[in-house]
PDB file of N, CA and C in Angstrom:
ATOM      1  N   MET A   1     -49.089  12.174   7.065  1.00  0.00           N
ATOM      2  CA  MET A   1     -48.669  11.159   9.091  1.00  0.00           C
ATOM      3  C   MET A   1     -48.733  11.915  10.166  1.00  0.00           C
ATOM      4  N   SER A   2     -48.880  10.774  10.716  1.00  0.00           N
ATOM      5  CA  SER A   2     -49.636  11.542  12.041  1.00  0.00           C
ATOM      6  C   SER A   2     -49.074  12.529  12.533  1.00  0.00           C
ATOM      7  N   GLN A   3     -49.341  13.361  14.219  1.00  0.00           N
ATOM      8  CA  GLN A   3     -49.003  13.829  14.875  1.00  0.00           C
ATOM      9  C   GLN A   3     -47.999  13.649  15.413  1.00  0.00           C
ATOM     10  N   THR A   4     -48.242  12.054  16.029  1.00  0.00           N
ATOM     11  CA  THR A   4     -47.726  11.064  16.609  1.00  0.00           C
ATOM     12  C   THR A   4     -46.165  11.246  16.087  1.00  0.00           C
ATOM     13  N   ALA A   5     -45.912  10.819  14.792  1.00  0.00           N
ATOM     14  CA  ALA A   5     -44.740  10.258  14.098  1.00  0.00           C
ATOM     15  C   ALA A   5     -43.731  11.985  13.824  1.00  0.00           C
ATOM     16  N   TYR A   6     -44.725  13.047  14.279  1.00  0.00           N
ATOM     17  CA  TYR A   6     -43.470  13.853  13.763  1.00  0.00           C
ATOM     18  C   TYR A   6     -43.327  14.198  15.120  1.00  0.00           C
ATOM     19  N   LEU A   7     -44.635  13.848  16.789  1.00  0.00           N
ATOM     20  CA  LEU A   7     -43.928  14.270  18.049  1.00  0.00           C
ATOM     21  C   LEU A   7     -42.383  13.277  18.461  1.00  0.00           C
ATOM     22  N   VAL A   8     -42.892  12.034  18.249  1.00  0.00           N
ATOM     23  CA  VAL A   8     -40.950  10.889  18.095  1.00  0.00           C
ATOM     24  C   VAL A   8     -39.893  11.125  17.721  1.00  0.00           C
ATOM     25  N   VAL A   9     -40.317  12.356  16.571  1.00  0.00           N
ATOM     26  CA  VAL A   9     -38.881  12.271  15.621  1.00  0.00           C
ATOM     27  C   VAL A   9     -38.466  13.609  16.694  1.00  0.00           C
ATOM     28  N   ALA A  10     -38.935  14.934  16.857  1.00  0.00           N
ATOM     29  CA  ALA A  10     -39.150  15.282  17.358  1.00  0.00           C
ATOM     30  C   ALA A  10     -38.292  15.200  19.277  1.00  0.00           C
ATOM     31  N   ALA A  11     -39.582  14.768  19.685  1.00  0.00           N
ATOM     32  CA  ALA A  11     -38.459  14.024  20.916  1.00  0.00           C
ATOM     33  C   ALA A  11     -36.708  13.133  20.726  1.00  0.00           C
ATOM     34  N   GLY A  12     -37.317  12.011  19.851  1.00  0.00           N
ATOM     35  CA  GLY A  12     -35.580  11.831  19.298  1.00  0.00           C
ATOM     36  C   GLY A  12     -34.718  12.668  19.022  1.00  0.00           C
ATOM     37  N   LEU A  13     -34.761  14.609  19.108  1.00  0.00           N
ATOM     38  CA  LEU A  13     -33.788  15.282  17.575  1.00  0.00           C
ATOM     39  C   LEU A  13     -33.725  15.542  19.843  1.00  0.00           C
ATOM     40  N   PHE A  14     -34.201  16.256  19.809  1.00  0.00           N
ATOM     41  CA  PHE A  14     -34.256  16.590  21.917  1.00  0.00           C
ATOM     42  C   PHE A  14     -33.844  15.824  22.940  1.00  0.00           C
ATOM     43  N   GLY A  15     -33.668  14.828  23.015  1.00  0.00           N
ATOM     44  CA  GLY A  15     -32.895  14.194  23.236  1.00  0.00           C
ATOM     45  C   GLY A  15     -31.947  13.742  23.025  1.00  0.00           C
ATOM     46  N   ILE A  16     -31.092  13.887  21.912  1.00  0.00           N
ATOM     47  CA  ILE A  16     -30.142  13.712  21.227  1.00  0.00           C
ATOM     48  C   ILE A  16     -29.173  15.358  21.468  1.00  0.00           C
ATOM     49  N   GLY A  17     -30.336  16.650  20.993  1.00  0.00           N
ATOM     50  CA  GLY A  17     -29.191  17.861  21.468  1.00  0.00           C
ATOM     51  C   GLY A  17     -28.619  16.802  22.836  1.00  0.00           C
ATOM     52  N   ALA A  18     -29.945  16.441  23.958  1.00  0.00           N
ATOM     53  CA  ALA A  18     -29.812  17.461  26.033  1.00  0.00           C
ATOM     54  C   ALA A  18     -28.648  15.135  25.781  1.00  0.00           C
ATOM     55  N   ALA A  19     -28.597  15.029  25.511  1.00  0.00           N
ATOM     56  CA  ALA A  19     -27.270  14.036  25.694  1.00  0.00           C
ATOM     57  C   ALA A  19     -25.941  14.238  24.698  1.00  0.00           C
ATOM     58  N   GLY A  20     -26.096  14.983  24.260  1.00  0.00           N
ATOM     59  CA  GLY A  20     -25.051  16.060  23.861  1.00  0.00           C
ATOM     60  C   GLY A  20     -24.239  17.050  24.415  1.00  0.00           C
ATOM     61  N   LEU A  21     -25.789  17.715  24.585  1.00  0.00           N
ATOM     62  CA  LEU A  21     -24.646  18.864  25.364  1.00  0.00           C
ATOM     63  C   LEU A  21     -24.407  18.851  26.286  1.00  0.00           C
ATOM     64  N   LEU A  22     -25.482  17.352  27.530  1.00  0.00           N
ATOM     65  CA  LEU A  22     -24.551  17.556  29.218  1.00  0.00           C
ATOM     66  C   LEU A  22     -23.187  15.828  28.571  1.00  0.00           C
ATOM     67  N   LEU A  23     -23.218  15.005  27.814  1.00  0.00           N
ATOM     68  CA  LEU A  23     -22.420  14.887  28.133  1.00  0.00           C
ATOM     69  C   LEU A  23     -20.684  15.154  27.102  1.00  0.00           C
ATOM     70  N   ARG A  24     -21.079  16.065  26.205  1.00  0.00           N
ATOM     71  CA  ARG A  24     -20.124  16.283  25.864  1.00  0.00           C
ATOM     72  C   ARG A  24     -18.661  17.983  26.686  1.00  0.00           C
ATOM     73  N   LYS A  25     -17.674  18.142  25.784  1.00  0.00           N
ATOM     74  CA  LYS A  25     -16.912  19.444  27.298  1.00  0.00           C
ATOM     75  C   LYS A  25     -17.060  20.345  25.374  1.00  0.00           C
ATOM     76  N   ASN A  26     -16.701  19.751  23.976  1.00  0.00           N
ATOM     77  CA  ASN A  26     -16.903  21.221  23.082  1.00  0.00           C
ATOM     78  C   ASN A  26     -17.180  21.951  23.022  1.00  0.00           C
ATOM     79  N   VAL A  27     -16.937  23.506  23.490  1.00  0.00           N
ATOM     80  CA  VAL A  27     -17.956  24.238  23.014  1.00  0.00           C
ATOM     81  C   VAL A  27     -18.642  24.191  21.661  1.00  0.00           C
ATOM     82  N   LEU A  28     -18.177  24.001  20.984  1.00  0.00           N
ATOM     83  CA  LEU A  28     -18.888  23.478  19.292  1.00  0.00           C
ATOM     84  C   LEU A  28     -19.711  22.867  19.387  1.00  0.00           C
ATOM     85  N   VAL A  29     -19.582  21.111  19.743  1.00  0.00           N
ATOM     86  CA  VAL A  29     -20.292  20.875  19.526  1.00  0.00           C
ATOM     87  C   VAL A  29     -21.496  20.498  20.807  1.00  0.00           C
ATOM     88  N   MET A  30     -21.227  21.544  21.353  1.00  0.00           N
ATOM     89  CA  MET A  30     -22.098  22.047  22.678  1.00  0.00           C
ATOM     90  C   MET A  30     -23.104  22.760  22.216  1.00  0.00           C
ATOM     91  N   PHE A  31     -22.720  23.640  20.780  1.00  0.00           N
ATOM     92  CA  PHE A  31     -23.199  25.172  20.588  1.00  0.00           C
ATOM     93  C   PHE A  31     -24.167  24.353  19.097  1.00  0.00           C
ATOM     94  N   MET A  32     -23.555  23.221  19.182  1.00  0.00           N
ATOM     95  CA  MET A  32     -24.679  22.066  17.959  1.00  0.00           C
ATOM     96  C   MET A  32     -25.566  21.871  18.506  1.00  0.00           C
ATOM     97  N   CYS A  33     -25.721  21.267  19.768  1.00  0.00           N
ATOM     98  CA  CYS A  33     -26.559  20.437  20.182  1.00  0.00           C
ATOM     99  C   CYS A  33     -27.477  21.209  20.619  1.00  0.00           C
ATOM    100  N   VAL A  34     -27.348  22.634  21.607  1.00  0.00           N
ATOM    101  CA  VAL A  34     -28.442  23.617  21.166  1.00  0.00           C
ATOM    102  C   VAL A  34     -29.062  23.526  20.234  1.00  0.00           C
ATOM    103  N   GLU A  35     -28.900  23.912  19.084  1.00  0.00           N
ATOM    104  CA  GLU A  35     -28.921  24.347  17.811  1.00  0.00           C
ATOM    105  C   GLU A  35     -29.968  23.192  17.586  1.00  0.00           C
ATOM    106  N   LEU A  36     -30.458  21.997  17.977  1.00  0.00           N
ATOM    107  CA  LEU A  36     -30.877  20.111  17.567  1.00  0.00           C
ATOM    108  C   LEU A  36     -31.899  20.673  18.225  1.00  0.00           C
ATOM    109  N   MET A  37     -31.804  20.970  19.652  1.00  0.00           N
ATOM    110  CA  MET A  37     -33.227  21.208  20.391  1.00  0.00           C
ATOM    111  C   MET A  37     -34.369  22.144  20.011  1.00  0.00           C
ATOM    112  N   LEU A  38     -33.494  22.962  19.552  1.00  0.00           N
ATOM    113  CA  LEU A  38     -34.688  24.277  19.311  1.00  0.00           C
ATOM    114  C   LEU A  38     -35.016  23.492  18.208  1.00  0.00           C
ATOM    115  N   ASN A  39     -33.594  23.448  16.671  1.00  0.00           N
ATOM    116  CA  ASN A  39     -35.741  22.437  15.572  1.00  0.00           C
ATOM    117  C   ASN A  39     -36.966  21.736  15.685  1.00  0.00           C
ATOM    118  N   ALA A  40     -36.293  20.786  17.388  1.00  0.00           N
ATOM    119  CA  ALA A  40     -36.537  19.827  17.562  1.00  0.00           C
ATOM    120  C   ALA A  40     -38.649  20.194  18.158  1.00  0.00           C
ATOM    121  N   VAL A  41     -37.566  20.900  18.467  1.00  0.00           N
ATOM    122  CA  VAL A  41     -39.057  22.718  19.617  1.00  0.00           C
ATOM    123  C   VAL A  41     -40.257  23.143  18.354  1.00  0.00           C
ATOM    124  N   ASN A  42     -38.735  23.541  17.482  1.00  0.00           N
ATOM    125  CA  ASN A  42     -39.963  24.375  16.128  1.00  0.00           C
ATOM    126  C   ASN A  42     -40.512  23.122  14.912  1.00  0.00           C
ATOM    127  N   LEU A  43     -40.258  21.688  15.133  1.00  0.00           N
ATOM    128  CA  LEU A  43     -40.944  20.330  15.136  1.00  0.00           C
ATOM    129  C   LEU A  43     -42.158  20.409  15.528  1.00  0.00           C
ATOM    130  N   THR A  44     -41.850  20.695  17.233  1.00  0.00           N
ATOM    131  CA  THR A  44     -43.236  20.551  17.698  1.00  0.00           C
ATOM    132  C   THR A  44     -44.431  21.799  17.331  1.00  0.00           C
ATOM    133  N   PHE A  45     -44.042  22.767  17.384  1.00  0.00           N
ATOM    134  CA  PHE A  45     -44.350  23.775  17.373  1.00  0.00           C
ATOM    135  C   PHE A  45     -45.163  24.280  15.527  1.00  0.00           C
ATOM    136  N   VAL A  46     -44.670  23.437  15.116  1.00  0.00           N
ATOM    137  CA  VAL A  46     -45.473  23.204  13.540  1.00  0.00           C
ATOM    138  C   VAL A  46     -46.196  22.318  13.586  1.00  0.00           C
ATOM    139  N   SER A  47     -46.210  21.296  14.072  1.00  0.00           N
ATOM    140  CA  SER A  47     -46.855  19.662  13.970  1.00  0.00           C
ATOM    141  C   SER A  47     -48.545  20.464  14.839  1.00  0.00           C
ATOM    142  N   PHE A  48     -48.506  20.831  16.128  1.00  0.00           N
ATOM    143  CA  PHE A  48     -49.116  20.971  17.085  1.00  0.00           C
ATOM    144  C   PHE A  48     -50.337  22.415  15.910  1.00  0.00           C
ATOM    145  N   GLY A  49     -49.104  23.172  16.044  1.00  0.00           N
ATOM    146  CA  GLY A  49     -50.054  24.563  14.669  1.00  0.00           C
ATOM    147  C   GLY A  49     -51.427  23.762  13.456  1.00  0.00           C
ATOM    148  N   ARG A  50     -49.437  22.761  12.994  1.00  0.00           N
ATOM    149  CA  ARG A  50     -50.807  22.366  11.925  1.00  0.00           C
ATOM    150  C   ARG A  50     -52.214  21.104  12.071  1.00  0.00           C
ATOM    151  N   SER A  51     -52.050  20.668  13.419  1.00  0.00           N
ATOM    152  CA  SER A  51     -53.222  19.050  13.917  1.00  0.00           C
ATOM    153  C   SER A  51     -53.762  20.286  14.490  1.00  0.00           C
ATOM    154  N   LEU A  52     -54.891  21.645  14.879  1.00  0.00           N
ATOM    155  CA  LEU A  52     -55.597  22.616  14.985  1.00  0.00           C
ATOM    156  C   LEU A  52     -55.556  23.560  14.303  1.00  0.00           C
ATOM    157  N   ASP A  53     -54.396  23.461  13.128  1.00  0.00           N
ATOM    158  CA  ASP A  53     -55.269  24.506  11.768  1.00  0.00           C
ATOM    159  C   ASP A  53     -55.307  25.598  12.510  1.00  0.00           C
ATOM    160  N   ASP A  54     -54.291  26.076  13.158  1.00  0.00           N
ATOM    161  CA  ASP A  54     -53.559  27.240  13.425  1.00  0.00           C
ATOM    162  C   ASP A  54     -51.993  27.750  12.948  1.00  0.00           C
ATOM    163  N   VAL A  55     -51.498  29.184  12.455  1.00  0.00           N
ATOM    164  CA  VAL A  55     -51.336  30.678  12.635  1.00  0.00           C
ATOM    165  C   VAL A  55     -50.128  30.030  13.051  1.00  0.00           C
ATOM    166  N   GLY A  56     -50.398  30.079  14.593  1.00  0.00           N
ATOM    167  CA  GLY A  56     -49.518  30.942  15.412  1.00  0.00           C
ATOM    168  C   GLY A  56     -49.132  29.814  15.817  1.00  0.00           C
ATOM    169  N   GLY A  57     -48.909  28.079  15.845  1.00  0.00           N
ATOM    170  CA  GLY A  57     -46.753  27.980  15.627  1.00  0.00           C
ATOM    171  C   GLY A  57     -46.101  27.935  15.041  1.00  0.00           C
ATOM    172  N   GLN A  58     -46.386  28.782  13.268  1.00  0.00           N
ATOM    173  CA  GLN A  58     -46.402  28.413  12.709  1.00  0.00           C
ATOM    174  C   GLN A  58     -44.951  30.590  12.799  1.00  0.00           C
ATOM    175  N   VAL A  59     -46.384  31.131  13.671  1.00  0.00           N
ATOM    176  CA  VAL A  59     -45.577  32.177  13.959  1.00  0.00           C
ATOM    177  C   VAL A  59     -44.206  32.525  15.206  1.00  0.00           C
ATOM    178  N   SER A  60     -44.864  31.261  15.937  1.00  0.00           N
ATOM    179  CA  SER A  60     -44.014  30.458  16.591  1.00  0.00           C
ATOM    180  C   SER A  60     -42.401  30.030  16.760  1.00  0.00           C
ATOM    181  N   VAL A  61     -42.278  29.617  15.549  1.00  0.00           N
ATOM    182  CA  VAL A  61     -41.128  28.705  15.127  1.00  0.00           C
ATOM    183  C   VAL A  61     -40.523  30.393  14.797  1.00  0.00           C
ATOM    184  N   PHE A  62     -41.121  31.223  13.415  1.00  0.00           N
ATOM    185  CA  PHE A  62     -40.767  32.291  13.074  1.00  0.00           C
ATOM    186  C   PHE A  62     -39.313  33.071  14.216  1.00  0.00           C
ATOM    187  N   PHE A  63     -40.362  32.817  15.429  1.00  0.00           N
ATOM    188  CA  PHE A  63     -39.699  34.341  16.336  1.00  0.00           C
ATOM    189  C   PHE A  63     -38.073  33.055  16.990  1.00  0.00           C
ATOM    190  N   VAL A  64     -38.672  31.451  17.109  1.00  0.00           N
ATOM    191  CA  VAL A  64     -37.714  30.150  17.836  1.00  0.00           C
ATOM    192  C   VAL A  64     -36.264  30.826  16.871  1.00  0.00           C
ATOM    193  N   LEU A  65     -36.746  31.247  15.885  1.00  0.00           N
ATOM    194  CA  LEU A  65     -35.458  31.098  14.772  1.00  0.00           C
ATOM    195  C   LEU A  65     -34.847  32.829  14.549  1.00  0.00           C
ATOM    196  N   VAL A  66     -35.594  33.527  15.158  1.00  0.00           N
ATOM    197  CA  VAL A  66     -35.125  35.046  14.987  1.00  0.00           C
ATOM    198  C   VAL A  66     -33.885  34.499  16.552  1.00  0.00           C
ATOM    199  N   VAL A  67     -34.746  34.368  17.500  1.00  0.00           N
ATOM    200  CA  VAL A  67     -33.852  33.653  18.785  1.00  0.00           C
ATOM    201  C   VAL A  67     -32.630  32.888  18.753  1.00  0.00           C
ATOM    202  N   ALA A  68     -32.813  32.218  17.548  1.00  0.00           N
ATOM    203  CA  ALA A  68     -31.563  31.572  17.498  1.00  0.00           C
ATOM    204  C   ALA A  68     -30.697  32.165  16.213  1.00  0.00           C
ATOM    205  N   ALA A  69     -31.041  32.679  16.004  1.00  0.00           N
ATOM    206  CA  ALA A  69     -29.746  33.859  15.059  1.00  0.00           C
ATOM    207  C   ALA A  69     -29.462  34.439  16.195  1.00  0.00           C
ATOM    208  N   ALA A  70     -29.632  35.168  16.328  1.00  0.00           N
ATOM    209  CA  ALA A  70     -29.061  36.208  17.618  1.00  0.00           C
ATOM    210  C   ALA A  70     -28.138  35.350  18.731  1.00  0.00           C
ATOM    211  N   GLU A  71     -28.419  34.203  19.331  1.00  0.00           N
ATOM    212  CA  GLU A  71     -27.614  33.225  20.101  1.00  0.00           C
ATOM    213  C   GLU A  71     -26.578  32.853  19.484  1.00  0.00           C
ATOM    214  N   VAL A  72     -27.043  32.314  18.228  1.00  0.00           N
ATOM    215  CA  VAL A  72     -25.350  31.369  17.461  1.00  0.00           C
ATOM    216  C   VAL A  72     -24.548  33.176  16.818  1.00  0.00           C
ATOM    217  N   VAL A  73     -25.467  34.751  16.646  1.00  0.00           N
ATOM    218  CA  VAL A  73     -23.453  35.793  16.718  1.00  0.00           C
ATOM    219  C   VAL A  73     -22.965  35.857  17.945  1.00  0.00           C
ATOM    220  N   VAL A  74     -23.833  35.758  18.842  1.00  0.00           N
ATOM    221  CA  VAL A  74     -23.307  36.056  19.613  1.00  0.00           C
ATOM    222  C   VAL A  74     -22.028  35.144  20.861  1.00  0.00           C
ATOM    223  N   GLY A  75     -23.326  33.485  20.470  1.00  0.00           N
ATOM    224  CA  GLY A  75     -22.289  32.152  21.252  1.00  0.00           C
ATOM    225  C   GLY A  75     -21.192  32.133  19.866  1.00  0.00           C
ATOM    226  N   LEU A  76     -21.236  32.165  18.309  1.00  0.00           N
ATOM    227  CA  LEU A  76     -19.821  31.900  17.729  1.00  0.00           C
ATOM    228  C   LEU A  76     -19.145  33.005  18.177  1.00  0.00           C
ATOM    229  N   GLY A  77     -19.218  34.250  18.872  1.00  0.00           N
ATOM    230  CA  GLY A  77     -18.169  35.047  18.738  1.00  0.00           C
ATOM    231  C   GLY A  77     -17.731  34.569  19.763  1.00  0.00           C
ATOM    232  N   ILE A  78     -18.278  33.764  20.943  1.00  0.00           N
ATOM    233  CA  ILE A  78     -18.069  33.764  22.529  1.00  0.00           C
ATOM    234  C   ILE A  78     -17.031  32.375  21.866  1.00  0.00           C
ATOM    235  N   ILE A  79     -17.242  31.583  21.190  1.00  0.00           N
ATOM    236  CA  ILE A  79     -16.564  30.232  20.450  1.00  0.00           C
ATOM    237  C   ILE A  79     -15.373  30.447  20.411  1.00  0.00           C
ATOM    238  N   VAL A  80     -15.492  32.253  18.923  1.00  0.00           N
ATOM    239  CA  VAL A  80     -14.159  32.480  18.493  1.00  0.00           C
ATOM    240  C   VAL A  80     -13.002  32.560  19.022  1.00  0.00           C
ATOM    241  N   ALA A  81     -13.660  33.552  20.636  1.00  0.00           N
ATOM    242  CA  ALA A  81     -12.669  33.804  21.283  1.00  0.00           C
ATOM    243  C   ALA A  81     -12.064  32.940  22.123  1.00  0.00           C
ATOM    244  N   ILE A  82     -12.984  32.005  22.138  1.00  0.00           N
ATOM    245  CA  ILE A  82     -12.109  30.922  23.371  1.00  0.00           C
ATOM    246  C   ILE A  82     -11.009  30.369  22.418  1.00  0.00           C
ATOM    247  N   MET A  83     -10.987  29.654  21.112  1.00  0.00           N
ATOM    248  CA  MET A  83     -10.757  28.413  20.575  1.00  0.00           C
ATOM    249  C   MET A  83      -8.914  29.524  19.953  1.00  0.00           C
ATOM    250  N   ARG A  84      -9.489  31.289  19.398  1.00  0.00           N
ATOM    251  CA  ARG A  84      -7.980  31.955  19.149  1.00  0.00           C
ATOM    252  C   ARG A  84      -7.218  31.829  20.305  1.00  0.00           C
ATOM    253  N   ARG A  85      -7.917  32.078  21.378  1.00  0.00           N
ATOM    254  CA  ARG A  85      -6.250  31.917  22.813  1.00  0.00           C
ATOM    255  C   ARG A  85      -5.993  30.030  22.756  1.00  0.00           C
ATOM    256  N   ARG A  86      -6.784  29.009  22.925  1.00  0.00           N
ATOM    257  CA  ARG A  86      -6.388  27.862  23.027  1.00  0.00           C
ATOM    258  C   ARG A  86      -7.074  26.526  21.923  1.00  0.00           C
ATOM    259  N   ALA A  87      -6.824  26.446  21.496  1.00  0.00           N
ATOM    260  CA  ALA A  87      -7.642  25.750  19.969  1.00  0.00           C
ATOM    261  C   ALA A  87      -8.523  24.164  20.954  1.00  0.00           C
ATOM    262  N   ASP A  88      -7.794  23.780  22.169  1.00  0.00           N
ATOM    263  CA  ASP A  88      -8.627  22.360  22.447  1.00  0.00           C
ATOM    264  C   ASP A  88      -8.750  22.966  23.832  1.00  0.00           C
ATOM    265  N   ALA A  89      -9.583  24.139  23.433  1.00  0.00           N
ATOM    266  CA  ALA A  89     -10.098  24.497  24.781  1.00  0.00           C
ATOM    267  C   ALA A  89     -11.412  23.723  24.716  1.00  0.00           C
ATOM    268  N   THR A  90     -12.826  23.400  26.556  1.00  0.00           N
ATOM    269  CA  THR A  90     -13.106  22.550  26.300  1.00  0.00           C
ATOM    270  C   THR A  90     -14.722  24.075  27.061  1.00  0.00           C
ATOM    271  N   ALA A  91     -15.325  23.034  27.161  1.00  0.00           N
ATOM    272  CA  ALA A  91     -16.588  24.573  28.295  1.00  0.00           C
ATOM    273  C   ALA A  91     -15.754  24.283  29.657  1.00  0.00           C
ATOM    274  N   ASP A  92     -15.263  24.029  30.077  1.00  0.00           N
ATOM    275  CA  ASP A  92     -14.681  24.185  31.755  1.00  0.00           C
ATOM    276  C   ASP A  92     -13.757  25.865  31.679  1.00  0.00           C
ATOM    277  N   ASP A  93     -13.338  25.911  30.426  1.00  0.00           N
ATOM    278  CA  ASP A  93     -12.413  27.200  30.021  1.00  0.00           C
ATOM    279  C   ASP A  93     -13.455  28.677  29.863  1.00  0.00           C
ATOM    280  N   ILE A  94     -14.151  28.661  30.364  1.00  0.00           N
ATOM    281  CA  ILE A  94     -15.100  29.473  29.410  1.00  0.00           C
ATOM    282  C   ILE A  94     -14.137  30.653  30.576  1.00  0.00           C
ATOM    283  N   SER A  95     -14.224  30.011  32.116  1.00  0.00           N
ATOM    284  CA  SER A  95     -13.553  31.325  33.251  1.00  0.00           C
ATOM    285  C   SER A  95     -12.183  32.436  32.404  1.00  0.00           C
ATOM    286  N   MET A  96     -11.353  32.034  30.934  1.00  0.00           N
ATOM    287  CA  MET A  96     -10.399  32.822  30.402  1.00  0.00           C
ATOM    288  C   MET A  96     -11.130  33.750  29.465  1.00  0.00           C
ATOM    289  N   LEU A  97     -12.577  34.446  30.216  1.00  0.00           N
ATOM    290  CA  LEU A  97     -12.604  35.376  29.295  1.00  0.00           C
ATOM    291  C   LEU A  97     -11.986  36.203  30.122  1.00  0.00           C
ATOM    292  N   LYS A  98     -13.037  36.061  31.294  1.00  0.00           N
ATOM    293  CA  LYS A  98     -12.355  37.403  32.716  1.00  0.00           C
ATOM    294  C   LYS A  98     -11.177  38.469  32.007  1.00  0.00           C
ATOM    295  N   GLY A  99     -11.338  39.598  31.794  1.00  0.00           N
ATOM    296  CA  GLY A  99     -10.786  40.885  31.871  1.00  0.00           C
ATOM    297  C   GLY A  99      -9.916  41.227  33.018  1.00  0.00           C
TER     298      GLY A  99
END
């Protein structure tokens, strides 16, 4: 497959993630959309790394995955804290966390 095919798929995934992030109010769905966008960027890094015969793309993917794992830990903690208070919480209810 050519690099163009990978980039088209990555752009599609990023677009779906961005649309979901902007249109949805459910915090968990928004969180999954951010992860989808990060994976689209990872696909782009791997595609360019493969076409340039450079390991730098794969190294960048490793660091993005480390940051995404840290984001999952913090993000899911916040989401669980919000959902424990109200099961039908939306992204606008983040002000409930003020103590």
